[in-house]
Amino acid sequence: MSNTPLPSRRRSMRMVIAVAASVATTIVAAMISMPSTAAPAGPNAAAALVACTGPAWAEGVTYTIGTKVTYNGRQYEALVTHTAHVGAGWNPAATPSLWRDLGACSGTTSPSPSVSPSRSATPSPSVSPSRSTSPSPSVSPSRSVSPSPSVSTSPSPTPSTGTTCAVKSRPTGKVLHGYWENWDGASNGVHPGLGWIPITDARIRQHGYNVINAAFPVIRSDGTVLWEDGMDATVKVATPAEMCAAKAAGLTILMSIGGATAGIDLSSSTVADRFVATVVPILKAYNFDGIDIDIETGLTGSGSINTLSTSQANLIRIIDGVLAAMPSNFGLTMAPETAYVTGGSVTYGSIWGSYLPIIKKYADNGRLWWLNMQYYNGSMYGCSGDSYSAGTVAGFVAQTTCLNNGLVIQGTTIRVPYDKQVPGLPAQPGAGGGYMSTALVSQAWNNYSGSLKGLMTWSINWDGSKSWTFGDNVKGLQGR
C-alpha cells in the first residue's frame, strides 16, 4: 500500500492493469513475484547477438514470467510476473532481479522504450465507473526503488538463538494494525523522515500501534520463502528474541505475505505446497502470531461464486496448510484491494470479487481475525455497483456498511461484521492514493460509534516520517 516510486517496497499499493473484454471485464492483476532460483544475469552476461523480436519495454505495463522485451538495444526475459510502475525506474537494465539479459540485439536497433512523462506515484481515481468500467490502476507496497534480492536459492536458515515465546491470540480490544517495513524507506528517498526502525522501538506502541504486519518475505518462483537479513536491499529482519520482546511489550505480530514484489504462482499446487513447507518453520522460529494474506498475483474468479478457480483453490490450499501446521489460536487477516472484494458487485469473474469465496470461508468458520481491505487507490464500489472516490467518508462508509450488511453475489451472501473489519488507509500524504486527513478519519470512525474492530495503515514507517499523526489520532479515537 504505499506510494512513490511505487513506493516503499510493497504496501504502496499494487498496480492493476484493467482491460475490458466482452461482457465481463477481464483484468490482468500484477504484483511482482520474486525472482527465480537462478542467479539473475547482469547486463553484460550474454555475449552472443540475438534476434530481438519482443516489444520495447515500457513503464505502466504488466509483464508475465517469460515475456521478452527489448530495451536499449538488448533483449530481456521477465524472471517474474510484475508491473513496471510509472516512476519506479524498474527498467530491465536496472533490475536484474526482475529481468534476465539475453544479449545484444542483432540487426536493427530496438525501439526506444516508452516512458511516462509523469513521475507521480499516486494514481487518479476512475471516472464515472459503470459495469463496463475498470478501476484505475492502483499502487502496491514496494520495498525499494530498484529491488535487488539476494541470489540465495535455499530457504531461510532456522535461527540458532533458541528464543521462543507463545503465539498470542486475537486481541480482545480495538486495534491499530500497521505495516512495519523491514527495509530502509529513508535511504531510498521514499519517506526520508523515518527509515528502518527496530520492531522493538518504543515509539510504535507509544503512538498507538498494537498489531504489526512484518512486511515482507521474499518468495521465490518455486514458492520458497526467505526471511533473513539482506534478502532484499537494506532489509533487516527482527530476531526471535526481538520478536518476543516486542510481543511482551504489547504487540501482536503477523507476517504479511505478498505486496508488490512478492507474488506466488497460484496456478501450481506444487508451488503452493513449497510455500507452506518453507514458511511454517520461519513462522515458528520467529514467533509470529499470524499471517496477513496480501497475495493477488494471478488470483482470479471462475465466474461462478460457488465454483473455485484453480488460483482460488491454491490460495486456500496455502492458508489451510499454514493454519493446520500452527497452533489453533494462530491468526489470519487479509488485505485485498476493493476490486477483489466489493468489485464483485460490478461483475463476478477475473479479479472482480476474487477474494470473496476465500473471505467467506474463513469469516464463516471463525478463523479470520479481521479483514484489512485497502480503502485507497482509485474508485471503490458499493454493494450495488455504485462508485465512490477513495479518500472520502462516503466511500469509507459505503464499503464498510456493505460488508457488514452482506454482499450478495449470485445468490450467495458474503458478510463481514463490523467487529471483523479493520479498514486500511494511507498513514500520510504520499503513502498512497486516497489519503484522509485526521478530521476525515475521525468522521469515518465515529460514524460507527466504536463498532469497528480497528483501522489498518500503510505504514508505521510512513506515519513516523510525518510526526505520527495517524497513529496518535486513531489511538485517541479508540480511547487508548
Protein backbone atom coordinates (compact mmCIF):
# COMPACT_ATOMS: atom_id res chain seq x y z
CA MET A 1 0.00 0.00 0.00
CA SER A 2 2.26 2.85 -0.39
CA ASN A 3 3.23 5.27 -2.97
CA THR A 4 6.01 7.00 -4.70
CA PRO A 5 8.47 5.19 -6.89
CA LEU A 6 5.80 2.85 -6.44
CA PRO A 7 6.54 3.09 -3.30
CA SER A 8 8.32 1.86 -0.37
CA ARG A 9 8.58 -1.77 -1.36
CA ARG A 10 5.33 -3.08 -1.13
CA ARG A 11 2.49 -1.77 0.58
CA SER A 12 2.39 1.11 -1.75
CA MET A 13 -0.47 -0.44 -3.50
CA ARG A 14 -0.42 -2.77 -6.43
CA MET A 15 -0.65 -1.70 -9.99
CA VAL A 16 -3.68 -3.38 -11.52
CA ILE A 17 -3.96 -3.12 -15.27
CA ALA A 18 -7.56 -3.40 -16.28
CA VAL A 19 -8.76 -4.39 -19.73
CA ALA A 20 -12.41 -4.50 -20.73
CA ALA A 21 -13.31 -7.61 -22.67
CA SER A 22 -16.71 -8.78 -23.90
CA VAL A 23 -19.50 -8.67 -21.34
CA ALA A 24 -17.36 -9.43 -18.31
CA THR A 25 -14.32 -7.31 -17.59
CA THR A 26 -11.02 -9.18 -17.82
CA ILE A 27 -8.26 -7.87 -15.65
CA VAL A 28 -4.64 -8.81 -15.50
CA ALA A 29 -3.60 -8.09 -11.92
CA ALA A 30 0.10 -7.87 -11.39
CA MET A 31 2.13 -7.63 -8.26
CA ILE A 32 5.73 -8.54 -8.52
CA SER A 33 6.53 -12.09 -7.60
CA MET A 34 10.08 -12.82 -6.55
CA PRO A 35 12.93 -13.89 -8.78
CA SER A 36 13.59 -17.40 -9.89
CA THR A 37 16.12 -19.58 -8.21
CA ALA A 38 18.65 -18.95 -10.95
CA ALA A 39 21.03 -16.10 -10.28
CA PRO A 40 19.97 -13.08 -12.33
CA ALA A 41 22.20 -12.34 -15.24
CA GLY A 42 23.96 -9.00 -15.35
CA PRO A 43 23.76 -6.54 -18.22
CA ASN A 44 26.80 -7.99 -19.93
CA ALA A 45 26.04 -11.63 -19.23
CA ALA A 46 25.10 -12.57 -22.77
CA ALA A 47 27.81 -12.07 -25.35
CA ALA A 48 26.09 -13.54 -28.42
CA LEU A 49 23.86 -11.40 -30.60
CA VAL A 50 20.21 -12.39 -30.51
CA ALA A 51 17.30 -11.77 -32.85
CA CYS A 52 15.18 -9.37 -30.84
CA THR A 53 11.50 -9.81 -31.64
CA GLY A 54 9.76 -8.62 -28.49
CA PRO A 55 8.14 -5.22 -27.96
CA ALA A 56 10.02 -2.32 -26.42
CA TRP A 57 9.87 -2.24 -22.63
CA ALA A 58 7.55 0.47 -21.28
CA GLU A 59 6.50 1.78 -17.89
CA GLY A 60 2.99 1.09 -16.70
CA VAL A 61 2.84 -2.35 -18.32
CA THR A 62 2.33 -5.70 -16.61
CA TYR A 63 4.84 -8.35 -17.70
CA THR A 64 4.31 -12.06 -17.06
CA ILE A 65 7.04 -14.61 -16.45
CA GLY A 66 8.86 -15.39 -19.70
CA THR A 67 7.81 -12.24 -21.56
CA LYS A 68 10.59 -10.95 -23.83
CA VAL A 69 11.17 -7.25 -24.43
CA THR A 70 13.82 -5.02 -25.94
CA TYR A 71 15.49 -2.18 -24.09
CA ASN A 72 18.44 -0.03 -25.19
CA GLY A 73 19.45 -2.46 -27.92
CA ARG A 74 19.28 -5.59 -25.77
CA GLN A 75 16.69 -8.30 -25.26
CA TYR A 76 15.45 -9.26 -21.81
CA GLU A 77 13.21 -12.01 -20.44
CA ALA A 78 10.98 -11.44 -17.40
CA LEU A 79 12.02 -13.62 -14.48
CA VAL A 80 8.82 -12.92 -12.56
CA THR A 81 5.37 -11.50 -13.14
CA HIS A 82 5.38 -7.82 -12.25
CA THR A 83 4.17 -4.36 -13.16
CA ALA A 84 6.70 -1.72 -14.28
CA HIS A 85 5.25 1.00 -12.08
CA VAL A 86 5.46 4.51 -13.53
CA GLY A 87 8.33 6.41 -11.97
CA ALA A 88 9.80 3.40 -10.17
CA GLY A 89 12.77 3.11 -12.54
CA TRP A 90 12.36 -0.66 -12.86
CA ASN A 91 13.76 -0.88 -16.39
CA PRO A 92 15.37 -4.19 -17.38
CA ALA A 93 18.93 -2.89 -17.15
CA ALA A 94 18.40 -1.60 -13.61
CA THR A 95 16.55 -4.61 -12.17
CA PRO A 96 18.39 -7.91 -12.74
CA SER A 97 16.12 -9.47 -10.12
CA LEU A 98 13.19 -8.96 -12.49
CA TRP A 99 14.80 -9.41 -15.94
CA ARG A 100 17.33 -11.80 -17.48
CA ASP A 101 19.63 -10.19 -20.06
CA LEU A 102 19.56 -12.38 -23.19
CA GLY A 103 22.10 -10.34 -25.12
CA ALA A 104 22.55 -7.53 -27.62
CA CYS A 105 20.12 -7.34 -30.50
CA SER A 106 21.30 -8.26 -33.96
CA GLY A 107 20.18 -6.23 -36.98
CA THR A 108 18.25 -3.02 -36.46
CA THR A 109 18.28 -1.10 -33.25
CA SER A 110 15.40 -1.86 -30.94
CA PRO A 111 12.73 0.79 -30.46
CA SER A 112 13.23 3.34 -27.74
CA PRO A 113 11.43 2.48 -24.51
CA SER A 114 8.24 4.35 -23.76
CA VAL A 115 8.40 6.25 -20.50
CA SER A 116 5.57 8.18 -18.96
CA PRO A 117 6.38 11.88 -18.58
CA SER A 118 4.83 11.95 -15.13
CA ARG A 119 6.63 10.50 -12.13
CA SER A 120 3.69 10.87 -9.81
CA ALA A 121 3.07 7.65 -7.95
CA THR A 122 -0.47 8.40 -6.86
CA PRO A 123 -2.97 7.06 -9.39
CA SER A 124 -6.04 9.02 -10.40
CA PRO A 125 -9.43 7.63 -9.45
CA SER A 126 -11.60 6.07 -12.13
CA VAL A 127 -14.03 8.44 -13.78
CA SER A 128 -17.72 7.56 -13.65
CA PRO A 129 -17.25 3.81 -13.21
CA SER A 130 -20.02 1.63 -14.56
CA ARG A 131 -20.48 -2.08 -15.04
CA SER A 132 -18.20 -1.88 -18.06
CA THR A 133 -15.61 0.38 -16.47
CA SER A 134 -12.41 -0.94 -14.98
CA PRO A 135 -10.89 0.51 -11.81
CA SER A 136 -7.99 2.90 -12.07
CA PRO A 137 -4.54 1.43 -11.63
CA SER A 138 -3.55 1.26 -8.00
CA VAL A 139 -0.28 1.12 -6.21
CA SER A 140 1.01 -1.73 -4.15
CA PRO A 141 3.64 -1.61 -1.49
CA SER A 142 7.11 -1.78 -2.82
CA ARG A 143 10.25 -2.27 -0.83
CA SER A 144 12.70 -0.14 -2.76
CA VAL A 145 13.04 1.77 -5.98
CA SER A 146 15.35 -0.80 -7.52
CA PRO A 147 14.72 -4.21 -5.97
CA SER A 148 17.76 -6.41 -5.73
CA PRO A 149 17.00 -9.59 -3.81
CA SER A 150 19.87 -11.84 -2.89
CA VAL A 151 20.52 -14.82 -5.09
CA SER A 152 20.20 -17.35 -2.30
CA THR A 153 18.26 -20.37 -3.51
CA SER A 154 17.78 -22.02 -0.12
CA PRO A 155 15.07 -21.44 2.46
CA SER A 156 15.97 -19.10 5.31
CA PRO A 157 18.03 -20.91 7.95
CA THR A 158 16.37 -21.57 11.28
CA PRO A 159 17.81 -19.11 13.84
CA SER A 160 20.02 -20.70 16.46
CA THR A 161 19.13 -18.41 19.39
CA GLY A 162 16.56 -20.80 20.83
CA THR A 163 14.42 -17.87 21.98
CA THR A 164 10.76 -18.77 21.88
CA CYS A 165 7.50 -17.29 23.13
CA ALA A 166 3.91 -18.38 22.82
CA VAL A 167 1.59 -17.46 19.96
CA LYS A 168 -0.70 -14.63 21.06
CA SER A 169 -4.44 -14.94 20.43
CA ARG A 170 -6.68 -12.42 18.67
CA PRO A 171 -6.57 -9.10 20.56
CA THR A 172 -9.75 -8.52 22.53
CA GLY A 173 -9.85 -4.73 22.29
CA LYS A 174 -9.55 -2.19 19.50
CA VAL A 175 -6.58 -2.44 17.18
CA LEU A 176 -4.38 -0.15 15.17
CA HIS A 177 -2.80 -2.51 12.67
CA GLY A 178 0.28 -1.10 10.94
CA TYR A 179 2.79 -2.40 8.43
CA TRP A 180 6.38 -2.44 9.62
CA GLU A 181 8.84 -2.11 6.75
CA ASN A 182 11.84 -4.41 7.08
CA TRP A 183 13.81 -2.23 4.63
CA ASP A 184 15.03 1.36 4.81
CA GLY A 185 12.50 3.64 3.16
CA ALA A 186 14.53 6.71 4.05
CA SER A 187 17.74 5.71 2.30
CA ASN A 188 15.89 5.21 -0.99
CA GLY A 189 14.15 8.58 -0.64
CA VAL A 190 10.60 7.26 -0.29
CA HIS A 191 9.90 8.67 3.16
CA PRO A 192 13.12 10.34 4.35
CA GLY A 193 11.71 11.41 7.71
CA LEU A 194 11.94 7.89 9.12
CA GLY A 195 13.52 4.80 7.65
CA TRP A 196 14.04 1.37 9.15
CA ILE A 197 13.41 1.11 12.88
CA PRO A 198 13.67 -1.94 15.16
CA ILE A 199 10.44 -3.78 15.78
CA THR A 200 11.11 -3.13 19.46
CA ASP A 201 11.18 0.67 19.00
CA ALA A 202 9.07 2.09 21.84
CA ARG A 203 7.58 4.75 19.58
CA ILE A 204 5.49 2.12 17.79
CA ARG A 205 3.49 1.39 20.95
CA GLN A 206 3.59 4.98 22.19
CA HIS A 207 1.79 6.16 19.07
CA GLY A 208 -0.99 3.60 19.29
CA TYR A 209 0.11 0.61 17.22
CA ASN A 210 -0.68 -2.70 18.90
CA VAL A 211 -0.72 -5.06 15.89
CA ILE A 212 2.13 -5.23 13.38
CA ASN A 213 2.36 -6.74 9.92
CA ALA A 214 6.02 -7.50 9.26
CA ALA A 215 6.45 -6.76 5.56
CA PHE A 216 7.53 -8.72 3.56
CA PRO A 217 9.27 -12.05 2.96
CA VAL A 218 10.92 -12.80 -0.35
CA ILE A 219 9.13 -15.55 -2.27
CA ARG A 220 11.00 -17.40 -4.99
CA SER A 221 9.32 -18.54 -8.18
CA ASP A 222 9.17 -22.13 -6.88
CA GLY A 223 7.36 -20.97 -3.73
CA THR A 224 10.39 -20.98 -1.44
CA VAL A 225 10.07 -18.33 1.28
CA LEU A 226 13.04 -16.33 2.57
CA TRP A 227 13.14 -14.33 5.80
CA GLU A 228 16.65 -13.12 6.59
CA ASP A 229 18.86 -10.06 6.68
CA GLY A 230 19.92 -8.98 3.20
CA MET A 231 17.26 -11.00 1.37
CA ASP A 232 16.47 -7.72 -0.40
CA ALA A 233 18.05 -4.27 -0.48
CA THR A 234 18.59 -2.77 3.03
CA VAL A 235 16.49 -5.49 4.69
CA LYS A 236 16.96 -6.31 8.36
CA VAL A 237 14.52 -8.72 10.00
CA ALA A 238 13.80 -8.88 13.71
CA THR A 239 15.48 -11.70 15.62
CA PRO A 240 13.35 -14.22 17.55
CA ALA A 241 14.43 -12.54 20.79
CA GLU A 242 13.40 -9.13 19.48
CA MET A 243 10.06 -10.55 18.38
CA CYS A 244 9.45 -11.88 21.88
CA ALA A 245 10.46 -8.57 23.46
CA ALA A 246 8.09 -6.64 21.20
CA LYS A 247 5.27 -9.07 21.98
CA ALA A 248 5.95 -8.80 25.71
CA ALA A 249 5.65 -5.01 25.35
CA GLY A 250 2.14 -5.41 23.98
CA LEU A 251 2.44 -6.04 20.25
CA THR A 252 0.82 -8.83 18.25
CA ILE A 253 2.93 -9.60 15.18
CA LEU A 254 1.88 -11.16 11.89
CA MET A 255 3.92 -11.88 8.77
CA SER A 256 2.42 -10.18 5.73
CA ILE A 257 2.57 -12.38 2.66
CA GLY A 258 2.60 -10.61 -0.68
CA GLY A 259 2.93 -6.95 -1.56
CA ALA A 260 4.00 -5.58 -4.90
CA THR A 261 7.13 -7.67 -5.22
CA ALA A 262 6.28 -11.00 -3.62
CA GLY A 263 3.61 -12.82 -5.54
CA ILE A 264 3.05 -16.56 -5.76
CA ASP A 265 2.26 -18.69 -8.79
CA LEU A 266 -1.27 -19.65 -7.80
CA SER A 267 -1.67 -21.87 -10.85
CA SER A 268 0.55 -24.52 -9.27
CA SER A 269 -0.29 -26.71 -6.27
CA THR A 270 3.39 -27.70 -6.17
CA VAL A 271 4.39 -24.07 -5.65
CA ALA A 272 1.67 -23.70 -3.00
CA ASP A 273 2.96 -26.74 -1.12
CA ARG A 274 6.56 -25.49 -1.33
CA PHE A 275 5.42 -22.18 0.10
CA VAL A 276 3.76 -23.86 3.08
CA ALA A 277 6.72 -26.18 3.66
CA THR A 278 9.18 -23.28 3.82
CA VAL A 279 7.12 -20.59 5.56
CA VAL A 280 5.91 -22.68 8.50
CA PRO A 281 9.40 -23.21 10.01
CA ILE A 282 10.01 -19.46 9.73
CA LEU A 283 6.70 -18.60 11.39
CA LYS A 284 7.53 -20.94 14.26
CA ALA A 285 11.18 -19.97 14.66
CA TYR A 286 10.48 -16.23 14.64
CA ASN A 287 7.48 -16.42 16.98
CA PHE A 288 4.87 -14.95 14.65
CA ASP A 289 1.28 -14.75 15.88
CA GLY A 290 -0.37 -14.96 12.48
CA ILE A 291 -0.23 -14.26 8.75
CA ASP A 292 -1.69 -11.44 6.71
CA ILE A 293 -2.67 -12.50 3.19
CA ASP A 294 -1.80 -9.83 0.65
CA ILE A 295 -1.47 -12.19 -2.32
CA GLU A 296 -3.16 -11.12 -5.52
CA THR A 297 -0.83 -12.07 -8.34
CA GLY A 298 -2.81 -14.31 -10.62
CA LEU A 299 -5.83 -14.56 -8.32
CA THR A 300 -8.98 -14.72 -10.45
CA GLY A 301 -12.51 -15.98 -10.02
CA SER A 302 -14.12 -18.70 -12.10
CA GLY A 303 -17.22 -16.66 -12.91
CA SER A 304 -19.33 -18.74 -10.53
CA ILE A 305 -19.20 -17.80 -6.86
CA ASN A 306 -19.80 -21.45 -5.88
CA THR A 307 -17.02 -22.86 -8.06
CA LEU A 308 -13.43 -22.16 -7.11
CA SER A 309 -10.91 -21.34 -9.80
CA THR A 310 -7.50 -23.04 -9.69
CA SER A 311 -5.90 -19.91 -8.23
CA GLN A 312 -8.56 -19.57 -5.53
CA ALA A 313 -8.23 -23.25 -4.62
CA ASN A 314 -4.45 -22.93 -4.34
CA LEU A 315 -4.65 -19.83 -2.15
CA ILE A 316 -6.99 -21.74 0.16
CA ARG A 317 -4.53 -24.65 0.00
CA ILE A 318 -1.81 -22.28 1.24
CA ILE A 319 -3.92 -20.82 4.04
CA ASP A 320 -5.21 -24.20 5.20
CA GLY A 321 -1.71 -25.64 5.10
CA VAL A 322 -0.30 -22.89 7.28
CA LEU A 323 -3.19 -22.90 9.76
CA ALA A 324 -3.03 -26.69 10.10
CA ALA A 325 0.66 -26.55 11.00
CA MET A 326 0.37 -23.75 13.55
CA PRO A 327 -1.37 -23.55 16.96
CA SER A 328 -5.17 -23.21 16.89
CA ASN A 329 -5.01 -19.56 18.03
CA PHE A 330 -2.67 -18.58 15.18
CA GLY A 331 -4.12 -15.54 13.42
CA LEU A 332 -5.31 -14.83 9.89
CA THR A 333 -6.00 -11.44 8.33
CA MET A 334 -6.40 -10.42 4.69
CA ALA A 335 -5.67 -7.12 2.94
CA PRO A 336 -7.13 -7.19 -0.58
CA GLU A 337 -7.89 -4.17 -2.71
CA THR A 338 -11.54 -3.24 -3.08
CA ALA A 339 -11.69 -4.58 -6.66
CA TYR A 340 -11.07 -8.07 -5.29
CA VAL A 341 -13.94 -7.73 -2.82
CA THR A 342 -16.74 -5.24 -3.41
CA GLY A 343 -15.71 -5.07 -7.06
CA GLY A 344 -17.69 -8.29 -7.32
CA SER A 345 -20.82 -6.16 -7.24
CA VAL A 346 -19.90 -4.94 -10.74
CA THR A 347 -19.36 -8.41 -12.16
CA TYR A 348 -18.04 -11.60 -10.60
CA GLY A 349 -15.11 -13.04 -12.53
CA SER A 350 -11.47 -12.36 -13.34
CA ILE A 351 -10.13 -10.25 -10.44
CA TRP A 352 -13.57 -8.83 -9.66
CA GLY A 353 -14.59 -10.19 -6.27
CA SER A 354 -12.00 -12.96 -6.47
CA TYR A 355 -11.29 -12.80 -2.73
CA LEU A 356 -14.97 -13.25 -1.84
CA PRO A 357 -15.11 -17.08 -1.62
CA ILE A 358 -11.91 -17.02 0.44
CA ILE A 359 -13.15 -14.31 2.79
CA LYS A 360 -16.46 -16.13 3.21
CA LYS A 361 -14.80 -19.44 4.06
CA TYR A 362 -12.67 -18.05 6.88
CA ALA A 363 -15.17 -15.47 8.15
CA ASP A 364 -17.83 -18.17 8.40
CA ASN A 365 -15.58 -20.77 10.06
CA GLY A 366 -14.22 -18.27 12.58
CA ARG A 367 -10.55 -18.36 11.57
CA LEU A 368 -10.46 -14.86 10.06
CA TRP A 369 -9.40 -12.38 12.72
CA TRP A 370 -10.43 -9.46 10.55
CA LEU A 371 -10.37 -8.00 7.05
CA ASN A 372 -7.88 -5.20 6.25
CA MET A 373 -9.38 -4.13 2.93
CA GLN A 374 -7.44 -1.28 1.28
CA TYR A 375 -9.65 1.81 1.06
CA TYR A 376 -7.41 3.65 -1.34
CA ASN A 377 -6.03 3.92 -4.87
CA GLY A 378 -8.84 4.97 -7.14
CA SER A 379 -12.57 4.47 -7.11
CA MET A 380 -14.29 1.88 -4.91
CA TYR A 381 -17.57 0.07 -5.35
CA GLY A 382 -20.53 -0.34 -3.04
CA CYS A 383 -22.90 -3.29 -2.80
CA SER A 384 -24.98 -2.20 -5.77
CA GLY A 385 -22.07 -1.44 -8.10
CA ASP A 386 -22.15 2.26 -7.24
CA SER A 387 -18.82 4.07 -7.25
CA TYR A 388 -17.09 6.23 -4.65
CA SER A 389 -13.79 8.07 -4.67
CA ALA A 390 -11.05 6.93 -2.32
CA GLY A 391 -10.20 9.32 0.49
CA THR A 392 -13.83 10.21 1.20
CA VAL A 393 -16.04 9.50 4.18
CA ALA A 394 -18.83 8.47 1.79
CA GLY A 395 -16.60 5.83 0.20
CA PHE A 396 -15.42 4.57 3.59
CA VAL A 397 -18.97 4.24 4.85
CA ALA A 398 -20.28 2.58 1.67
CA GLN A 399 -17.59 -0.12 1.74
CA THR A 400 -17.84 -0.81 5.45
CA THR A 401 -21.62 -0.88 5.64
CA CYS A 402 -21.84 -3.04 2.52
CA LEU A 403 -19.69 -5.78 4.04
CA ASN A 404 -21.46 -5.67 7.40
CA ASN A 405 -24.91 -5.96 5.83
CA GLY A 406 -23.75 -8.58 3.36
CA LEU A 407 -22.73 -8.51 -0.29
CA VAL A 408 -24.94 -10.83 -2.34
CA ILE A 409 -23.26 -12.42 -5.37
CA GLN A 410 -25.23 -14.87 -7.50
CA GLY A 411 -27.48 -15.64 -4.53
CA THR A 412 -24.60 -16.16 -2.08
CA THR A 413 -24.17 -13.69 0.78
CA ILE A 414 -20.69 -12.73 1.96
CA ARG A 415 -20.81 -10.90 5.28
CA VAL A 416 -18.01 -9.42 7.35
CA PRO A 417 -19.43 -7.88 10.55
CA TYR A 418 -18.05 -4.63 11.93
CA ASP A 419 -16.04 -6.42 14.63
CA LYS A 420 -14.14 -8.23 11.88
CA GLN A 421 -13.45 -5.12 9.83
CA VAL A 422 -10.20 -3.14 10.12
CA PRO A 423 -10.32 -0.81 7.09
CA GLY A 424 -6.97 0.18 5.59
CA LEU A 425 -5.95 3.81 5.00
CA PRO A 426 -2.70 5.54 3.97
CA ALA A 427 -0.89 6.86 7.04
CA GLN A 428 0.31 10.09 5.45
CA PRO A 429 0.13 12.05 2.18
CA GLY A 430 2.31 10.18 -0.30
CA ALA A 431 1.81 6.78 1.32
CA GLY A 432 -0.99 6.01 -1.10
CA GLY A 433 -3.83 7.47 -3.12
CA GLY A 434 -6.91 8.37 -1.12
CA TYR A 435 -5.21 9.85 1.93
CA MET A 436 -7.72 11.07 4.53
CA SER A 437 -6.94 13.90 6.94
CA THR A 438 -7.20 13.21 10.66
CA ALA A 439 -10.52 15.06 10.67
CA LEU A 440 -11.94 12.81 7.95
CA VAL A 441 -10.60 9.68 9.63
CA SER A 442 -12.32 10.77 12.83
CA GLN A 443 -15.58 11.40 10.99
CA ALA A 444 -15.46 7.99 9.31
CA TRP A 445 -14.60 6.17 12.55
CA ASN A 446 -17.24 7.96 14.62
CA ASN A 447 -19.91 7.06 12.07
CA TYR A 448 -19.85 3.56 13.61
CA SER A 449 -19.85 4.59 17.27
CA GLY A 450 -16.99 2.27 18.13
CA SER A 451 -18.39 -0.81 16.35
CA LEU A 452 -15.35 -1.33 14.10
CA LYS A 453 -12.57 -3.58 15.33
CA GLY A 454 -9.96 -1.02 14.32
CA LEU A 455 -8.05 0.58 11.48
CA MET A 456 -5.09 -0.56 9.41
CA THR A 457 -2.48 1.65 7.79
CA TRP A 458 0.36 1.61 5.33
CA SER A 459 2.68 2.14 7.04
CA ILE A 460 4.17 2.59 10.51
CA ASN A 461 7.34 3.97 8.95
CA TRP A 462 5.39 6.38 6.77
CA ASP A 463 3.49 7.60 9.84
CA GLY A 464 6.69 8.10 11.79
CA SER A 465 8.16 10.10 8.92
CA LYS A 466 5.42 12.72 9.39
CA SER A 467 5.21 13.04 13.20
CA TRP A 468 2.93 10.03 13.84
CA THR A 469 -0.28 11.98 13.28
CA PHE A 470 -2.25 8.97 12.03
CA GLY A 471 -1.41 6.74 14.98
CA ASP A 472 -1.93 9.44 17.57
CA ASN A 473 -5.34 10.29 16.12
CA VAL A 474 -6.54 6.68 15.98
CA LYS A 475 -5.24 5.94 19.46
CA GLY A 476 -7.35 8.83 20.74
CA LEU A 477 -10.41 7.74 18.77
CA GLN A 478 -10.13 4.28 20.29
CA GLY A 479 -9.79 5.67 23.80
CA ARG A 480 -6.45 4.05 24.44
